[in-house]
PDB file of N, CA and C in Angstrom:
ATOM      1  N   MET A   1     -42.726 135.273 164.593  1.00  0.00           N
ATOM      2  CA  MET A   1     -42.753 136.263 165.851  1.00  0.00           C
ATOM      3  C   MET A   1     -41.492 136.983 166.081  1.00  0.00           C
ATOM      4  N   VAL A   2     -41.192 137.892 166.121  1.00  0.00           N
ATOM      5  CA  VAL A   2     -39.826 138.112 166.109  1.00  0.00           C
ATOM      6  C   VAL A   2     -39.946 138.942 167.340  1.00  0.00           C
ATOM      7  N   TYR A   3     -38.555 138.435 168.334  1.00  0.00           N
ATOM      8  CA  TYR A   3     -38.098 138.854 169.752  1.00  0.00           C
ATOM      9  C   TYR A   3     -36.841 139.448 170.194  1.00  0.00           C
ATOM     10  N   ARG A   4     -36.851 140.593 170.737  1.00  0.00           N
ATOM     11  CA  ARG A   4     -36.048 141.606 171.008  1.00  0.00           C
ATOM     12  C   ARG A   4     -35.351 141.290 172.908  1.00  0.00           C
ATOM     13  N   LEU A   5     -34.349 141.734 173.061  1.00  0.00           N
ATOM     14  CA  LEU A   5     -34.238 141.779 174.672  1.00  0.00           C
ATOM     15  C   LEU A   5     -35.162 143.163 175.485  1.00  0.00           C
ATOM     16  N   ARG A   6     -35.935 142.576 176.443  1.00  0.00           N
ATOM     17  CA  ARG A   6     -36.499 143.899 177.254  1.00  0.00           C
ATOM     18  C   ARG A   6     -35.408 144.768 177.638  1.00  0.00           C
ATOM     19  N   SER A   7     -36.121 146.417 178.143  1.00  0.00           N
ATOM     20  CA  SER A   7     -34.938 147.055 178.425  1.00  0.00           C
ATOM     21  C   SER A   7     -35.293 146.372 180.054  1.00  0.00           C
ATOM     22  N   GLY A   8     -33.431 147.030 179.502  1.00  0.00           N
ATOM     23  CA  GLY A   8     -33.383 146.264 181.531  1.00  0.00           C
ATOM     24  C   GLY A   8     -32.104 145.501 181.729  1.00  0.00           C
ATOM     25  N   ILE A   9     -32.278 144.455 180.464  1.00  0.00           N
ATOM     26  CA  ILE A   9     -32.186 143.335 180.029  1.00  0.00           C
ATOM     27  C   ILE A   9     -30.032 143.427 179.390  1.00  0.00           C
ATOM     28  N   GLU A  10     -29.833 143.075 180.305  1.00  0.00           N
ATOM     29  CA  GLU A  10     -27.975 143.536 180.063  1.00  0.00           C
ATOM     30  C   GLU A  10     -27.771 141.574 178.127  1.00  0.00           C
ATOM     31  N   ASN A  11     -26.828 141.869 177.687  1.00  0.00           N
ATOM     32  CA  ASN A  11     -26.422 141.093 176.575  1.00  0.00           C
ATOM     33  C   ASN A  11     -26.302 140.484 178.110  1.00  0.00           C
ATOM     34  N   PHE A  12     -25.576 139.168 177.532  1.00  0.00           N
ATOM     35  CA  PHE A  12     -25.588 137.874 178.154  1.00  0.00           C
ATOM     36  C   PHE A  12     -25.593 136.647 177.213  1.00  0.00           C
ATOM     37  N   GLN A  13     -24.714 135.727 177.604  1.00  0.00           N
ATOM     38  CA  GLN A  13     -24.663 134.407 177.451  1.00  0.00           C
ATOM     39  C   GLN A  13     -24.847 133.154 177.941  1.00  0.00           C
ATOM     40  N   VAL A  14     -25.161 132.487 176.523  1.00  0.00           N
ATOM     41  CA  VAL A  14     -25.569 131.613 177.586  1.00  0.00           C
ATOM     42  C   VAL A  14     -24.357 129.776 178.126  1.00  0.00           C
ATOM     43  N   VAL A  15     -24.923 129.691 179.355  1.00  0.00           N
ATOM     44  CA  VAL A  15     -23.318 129.115 179.705  1.00  0.00           C
ATOM     45  C   VAL A  15     -23.667 127.115 180.046  1.00  0.00           C
ATOM     46  N   ASP A  16     -25.061 126.357 179.078  1.00  0.00           N
ATOM     47  CA  ASP A  16     -24.844 125.074 179.475  1.00  0.00           C
ATOM     48  C   ASP A  16     -26.499 125.102 178.490  1.00  0.00           C
ATOM     49  N   GLY A  17     -26.284 123.730 178.644  1.00  0.00           N
ATOM     50  CA  GLY A  17     -28.030 123.190 177.875  1.00  0.00           C
ATOM     51  C   GLY A  17     -28.050 123.038 176.267  1.00  0.00           C
ATOM     52  N   PRO A  18     -28.373 123.050 174.956  1.00  0.00           N
ATOM     53  CA  PRO A  18     -28.829 123.271 174.179  1.00  0.00           C
ATOM     54  C   PRO A  18     -28.282 124.853 173.162  1.00  0.00           C
ATOM     55  N   PHE A  19     -28.193 125.560 174.221  1.00  0.00           N
ATOM     56  CA  PHE A  19     -27.838 127.221 173.195  1.00  0.00           C
ATOM     57  C   PHE A  19     -26.863 127.415 174.277  1.00  0.00           C
ATOM     58  N   LYS A  20     -26.062 126.697 174.558  1.00  0.00           N
ATOM     59  CA  LYS A  20     -24.355 127.133 175.258  1.00  0.00           C
ATOM     60  C   LYS A  20     -24.029 127.629 174.301  1.00  0.00           C
ATOM     61  N   GLY A  21     -23.075 128.756 175.160  1.00  0.00           N
ATOM     62  CA  GLY A  21     -21.996 129.640 174.185  1.00  0.00           C
ATOM     63  C   GLY A  21     -22.949 130.573 173.139  1.00  0.00           C
ATOM     64  N   ARG A  22     -24.195 130.573 173.015  1.00  0.00           N
ATOM     65  CA  ARG A  22     -24.791 131.632 172.296  1.00  0.00           C
ATOM     66  C   ARG A  22     -25.091 132.531 172.540  1.00  0.00           C
ATOM     67  N   ARG A  23     -24.608 134.470 172.052  1.00  0.00           N
ATOM     68  CA  ARG A  23     -24.970 135.424 172.865  1.00  0.00           C
ATOM     69  C   ARG A  23     -26.072 136.212 172.801  1.00  0.00           C
ATOM     70  N   TYR A  24     -26.944 137.430 172.913  1.00  0.00           N
ATOM     71  CA  TYR A  24     -27.808 137.880 173.426  1.00  0.00           C
ATOM     72  C   TYR A  24     -27.446 138.988 173.553  1.00  0.00           C
ATOM     73  N   GLU A  25     -27.856 139.847 172.410  1.00  0.00           N
ATOM     74  CA  GLU A  25     -27.899 141.299 172.539  1.00  0.00           C
ATOM     75  C   GLU A  25     -28.594 142.699 172.327  1.00  0.00           C
ATOM     76  N   LYS A  26     -28.605 143.630 173.311  1.00  0.00           N
ATOM     77  CA  LYS A  26     -29.569 144.357 173.401  1.00  0.00           C
ATOM     78  C   LYS A  26     -29.724 144.947 171.730  1.00  0.00           C
ATOM     79  N   GLY A  27     -30.827 145.215 171.489  1.00  0.00           N
ATOM     80  CA  GLY A  27     -30.985 145.968 169.820  1.00  0.00           C
ATOM     81  C   GLY A  27     -31.480 145.295 168.590  1.00  0.00           C
ATOM     82  N   LYS A  28     -30.471 143.871 169.236  1.00  0.00           N
ATOM     83  CA  LYS A  28     -30.727 143.033 168.006  1.00  0.00           C
ATOM     84  C   LYS A  28     -31.833 141.687 167.786  1.00  0.00           C
ATOM     85  N   ASN A  29     -32.371 141.730 166.874  1.00  0.00           N
ATOM     86  CA  ASN A  29     -34.031 140.936 166.786  1.00  0.00           C
ATOM     87  C   ASN A  29     -33.374 138.898 166.335  1.00  0.00           C
ATOM     88  N   TYR A  30     -34.951 138.457 167.948  1.00  0.00           N
ATOM     89  CA  TYR A  30     -34.314 137.107 167.102  1.00  0.00           C
ATOM     90  C   TYR A  30     -35.766 135.983 166.912  1.00  0.00           C
ATOM     91  N   ASP A  31     -36.305 134.760 166.333  1.00  0.00           N
ATOM     92  CA  ASP A  31     -36.758 134.365 166.332  1.00  0.00           C
ATOM     93  C   ASP A  31     -36.953 133.785 167.620  1.00  0.00           C
ATOM     94  N   ALA A  32     -38.575 133.103 167.854  1.00  0.00           N
ATOM     95  CA  ALA A  32     -38.612 132.215 169.234  1.00  0.00           C
ATOM     96  C   ALA A  32     -37.782 131.384 168.500  1.00  0.00           C
ATOM     97  N   ALA A  33     -37.711 130.250 167.776  1.00  0.00           N
ATOM     98  CA  ALA A  33     -36.601 129.423 168.449  1.00  0.00           C
ATOM     99  C   ALA A  33     -35.141 129.586 168.600  1.00  0.00           C
ATOM    100  N   GLU A  34     -34.939 130.685 168.426  1.00  0.00           N
ATOM    101  CA  GLU A  34     -33.758 131.358 168.893  1.00  0.00           C
ATOM    102  C   GLU A  34     -33.304 131.138 169.898  1.00  0.00           C
ATOM    103  N   ILE A  35     -33.912 131.458 170.807  1.00  0.00           N
ATOM    104  CA  ILE A  35     -33.965 131.795 172.896  1.00  0.00           C
ATOM    105  C   ILE A  35     -34.999 130.670 173.285  1.00  0.00           C
ATOM    106  N   PRO A  36     -33.747 130.406 174.389  1.00  0.00           N
ATOM    107  CA  PRO A  36     -33.400 129.757 175.292  1.00  0.00           C
ATOM    108  C   PRO A  36     -35.163 129.249 175.580  1.00  0.00           C
ATOM    109  N   PRO A  37     -35.470 129.024 176.212  1.00  0.00           N
ATOM    110  CA  PRO A  37     -36.957 128.776 177.117  1.00  0.00           C
ATOM    111  C   PRO A  37     -36.394 129.139 178.505  1.00  0.00           C
ATOM    112  N   GLN A  38     -35.768 128.513 178.651  1.00  0.00           N
ATOM    113  CA  GLN A  38     -35.518 128.807 180.160  1.00  0.00           C
ATOM    114  C   GLN A  38     -35.321 129.854 180.148  1.00  0.00           C
ATOM    115  N   GLU A  39     -35.086 130.881 179.291  1.00  0.00           N
ATOM    116  CA  GLU A  39     -34.372 132.372 179.335  1.00  0.00           C
ATOM    117  C   GLU A  39     -35.718 133.364 178.942  1.00  0.00           C
ATOM    118  N   LYS A  40     -37.225 132.467 178.424  1.00  0.00           N
ATOM    119  CA  LYS A  40     -37.714 133.741 177.298  1.00  0.00           C
ATOM    120  C   LYS A  40     -38.176 134.548 177.955  1.00  0.00           C
ATOM    121  N   ASN A  41     -38.565 135.066 179.653  1.00  0.00           N
ATOM    122  CA  ASN A  41     -38.455 136.139 180.359  1.00  0.00           C
ATOM    123  C   ASN A  41     -38.317 137.230 180.115  1.00  0.00           C
ATOM    124  N   LYS A  42     -36.482 136.638 179.081  1.00  0.00           N
ATOM    125  CA  LYS A  42     -36.062 138.252 178.985  1.00  0.00           C
ATOM    126  C   LYS A  42     -36.185 138.875 177.638  1.00  0.00           C
ATOM    127  N   PHE A  43     -36.952 138.505 176.754  1.00  0.00           N
ATOM    128  CA  PHE A  43     -37.325 138.940 175.882  1.00  0.00           C
ATOM    129  C   PHE A  43     -38.978 139.010 175.872  1.00  0.00           C
ATOM    130  N   GLU A  44     -39.460 140.285 174.471  1.00  0.00           N
ATOM    131  CA  GLU A  44     -40.403 141.374 174.657  1.00  0.00           C
ATOM    132  C   GLU A  44     -41.052 141.061 172.599  1.00  0.00           C
ATOM    133  N   ALA A  45     -42.049 140.752 172.701  1.00  0.00           N
ATOM    134  CA  ALA A  45     -41.645 140.446 170.873  1.00  0.00           C
ATOM    135  C   ALA A  45     -41.970 141.793 170.753  1.00  0.00           C
ATOM    136  N   VAL A  46     -41.188 142.160 169.743  1.00  0.00           N
ATOM    137  CA  VAL A  46     -41.488 143.352 168.656  1.00  0.00           C
ATOM    138  C   VAL A  46     -42.154 143.018 167.521  1.00  0.00           C
ATOM    139  N   LYS A  47     -43.022 144.555 167.288  1.00  0.00           N
ATOM    140  CA  LYS A  47     -44.286 144.984 166.186  1.00  0.00           C
ATOM    141  C   LYS A  47     -43.069 144.714 164.897  1.00  0.00           C
ATOM    142  N   GLU A  48     -42.946 144.290 163.875  1.00  0.00           N
ATOM    143  CA  GLU A  48     -42.228 144.451 162.961  1.00  0.00           C
ATOM    144  C   GLU A  48     -42.787 145.368 162.116  1.00  0.00           C
ATOM    145  N   LYS A  49     -42.624 146.643 161.514  1.00  0.00           N
ATOM    146  CA  LYS A  49     -43.046 147.608 160.431  1.00  0.00           C
ATOM    147  C   LYS A  49     -42.507 147.519 159.314  1.00  0.00           C
ATOM    148  N   VAL A  50     -44.184 146.945 158.311  1.00  0.00           N
ATOM    149  CA  VAL A  50     -42.786 146.868 156.883  1.00  0.00           C
ATOM    150  C   VAL A  50     -43.517 148.847 156.212  1.00  0.00           C
ATOM    151  N   SER A  51     -42.134 149.039 156.026  1.00  0.00           N
ATOM    152  CA  SER A  51     -42.023 150.403 155.430  1.00  0.00           C
ATOM    153  C   SER A  51     -42.417 149.482 154.025  1.00  0.00           C
ATOM    154  N   GLU A  52     -42.919 150.455 153.168  1.00  0.00           N
ATOM    155  CA  GLU A  52     -43.455 150.777 151.520  1.00  0.00           C
ATOM    156  C   GLU A  52     -42.719 151.308 151.113  1.00  0.00           C
ATOM    157  N   PRO A  53     -42.154 151.391 150.146  1.00  0.00           N
ATOM    158  CA  PRO A  53     -41.325 152.600 148.477  1.00  0.00           C
ATOM    159  C   PRO A  53     -42.126 153.012 148.391  1.00  0.00           C
ATOM    160  N   SER A  54     -41.831 154.611 148.631  1.00  0.00           N
ATOM    161  CA  SER A  54     -42.663 155.369 147.990  1.00  0.00           C
ATOM    162  C   SER A  54     -42.613 155.318 146.141  1.00  0.00           C
ATOM    163  N   SER A  55     -43.530 155.456 145.247  1.00  0.00           N
ATOM    164  CA  SER A  55     -43.824 155.546 144.288  1.00  0.00           C
ATOM    165  C   SER A  55     -44.256 155.991 143.065  1.00  0.00           C
ATOM    166  N   ALA A  56     -44.659 157.915 144.147  1.00  0.00           N
ATOM    167  CA  ALA A  56     -44.370 158.715 143.899  1.00  0.00           C
ATOM    168  C   ALA A  56     -43.306 159.483 142.987  1.00  0.00           C
ATOM    169  N   PRO A  57     -43.455 159.707 142.067  1.00  0.00           N
ATOM    170  CA  PRO A  57     -41.699 160.472 141.588  1.00  0.00           C
ATOM    171  C   PRO A  57     -42.082 162.082 141.877  1.00  0.00           C
ATOM    172  N   VAL A  58     -40.694 162.264 142.427  1.00  0.00           N
ATOM    173  CA  VAL A  58     -39.805 163.236 142.870  1.00  0.00           C
ATOM    174  C   VAL A  58     -39.918 164.761 141.601  1.00  0.00           C
ATOM    175  N   SER A  59     -41.182 165.591 142.585  1.00  0.00           N
ATOM    176  CA  SER A  59     -41.171 166.736 140.970  1.00  0.00           C
ATOM    177  C   SER A  59     -40.438 168.128 141.941  1.00  0.00           C
ATOM    178  N   SER A  60     -39.663 168.076 140.306  1.00  0.00           N
ATOM    179  CA  SER A  60     -38.229 169.307 140.133  1.00  0.00           C
ATOM    180  C   SER A  60     -38.630 170.597 141.430  1.00  0.00           C
ATOM    181  N   GLU A  61     -40.712 170.565 141.514  1.00  0.00           N
ATOM    182  CA  GLU A  61     -41.232 172.307 142.143  1.00  0.00           C
ATOM    183  C   GLU A  61     -40.788 171.482 143.413  1.00  0.00           C
ATOM    184  N   THR A  62     -40.207 170.732 143.920  1.00  0.00           N
ATOM    185  CA  THR A  62     -40.337 170.176 146.014  1.00  0.00           C
ATOM    186  C   THR A  62     -38.497 169.915 145.429  1.00  0.00           C
ATOM    187  N   GLN A  63     -37.948 170.565 144.574  1.00  0.00           N
ATOM    188  CA  GLN A  63     -36.161 170.311 144.943  1.00  0.00           C
ATOM    189  C   GLN A  63     -35.678 172.181 145.048  1.00  0.00           C
ATOM    190  N   PRO A  64     -34.805 172.165 145.448  1.00  0.00           N
ATOM    191  CA  PRO A  64     -34.176 173.613 145.456  1.00  0.00           C
ATOM    192  C   PRO A  64     -33.593 173.809 144.503  1.00  0.00           C
ATOM    193  N   THR A  65     -33.223 175.056 143.415  1.00  0.00           N
ATOM    194  CA  THR A  65     -32.826 174.281 142.266  1.00  0.00           C
ATOM    195  C   THR A  65     -30.945 175.323 142.474  1.00  0.00           C
ATOM    196  N   THR A  66     -32.032 175.971 142.968  1.00  0.00           N
ATOM    197  CA  THR A  66     -30.180 176.855 142.715  1.00  0.00           C
ATOM    198  C   THR A  66     -29.649 176.726 143.971  1.00  0.00           C
ATOM    199  N   LYS A  67     -28.864 177.219 144.595  1.00  0.00           N
ATOM    200  CA  LYS A  67     -28.050 177.433 145.859  1.00  0.00           C
ATOM    201  C   LYS A  67     -28.815 178.087 147.153  1.00  0.00           C
ATOM    202  N   LYS A  68     -29.211 178.966 146.393  1.00  0.00           N
ATOM    203  CA  LYS A  68     -29.889 180.157 147.334  1.00  0.00           C
ATOM    204  C   LYS A  68     -31.305 179.733 148.193  1.00  0.00           C
ATOM    205  N   GLU A  69     -31.857 179.001 147.192  1.00  0.00           N
ATOM    206  CA  GLU A  69     -33.183 177.985 147.980  1.00  0.00           C
ATOM    207  C   GLU A  69     -32.337 176.310 148.486  1.00  0.00           C
ATOM    208  N   ARG A  70     -31.628 176.007 148.494  1.00  0.00           N
ATOM    209  CA  ARG A  70     -31.032 174.874 148.870  1.00  0.00           C
ATOM    210  C   ARG A  70     -30.600 175.311 150.442  1.00  0.00           C
ATOM    211  N   ILE A  71     -30.409 176.681 150.506  1.00  0.00           N
ATOM    212  CA  ILE A  71     -29.507 177.474 151.805  1.00  0.00           C
ATOM    213  C   ILE A  71     -30.259 178.054 152.950  1.00  0.00           C
ATOM    214  N   GLY A  72     -31.213 178.651 152.063  1.00  0.00           N
ATOM    215  CA  GLY A  72     -33.046 179.011 152.819  1.00  0.00           C
ATOM    216  C   GLY A  72     -32.577 180.945 152.447  1.00  0.00           C
ATOM    217  N   ARG A  73     -31.629 180.828 151.971  1.00  0.00           N
ATOM    218  CA  ARG A  73     -31.675 182.430 151.661  1.00  0.00           C
ATOM    219  C   ARG A  73     -32.113 183.453 150.925  1.00  0.00           C
TER     220      ARG A  73
END
């Protein structure tokens, strides 16, 4: 499972223990093994979104073919 800093928690750096010197920043994802046990309350689980690439070919009917069509005139 992937974790991220909870909203309202500022970036921080661990100052002691086995994670000493490690920085944690808002917006970055971390595995459970990367989170110090004493700081686990600062993190929340993130649901991973798996996006599947579209396999449908792009039709020429959906693409504008002239400059006027592209700019909507």
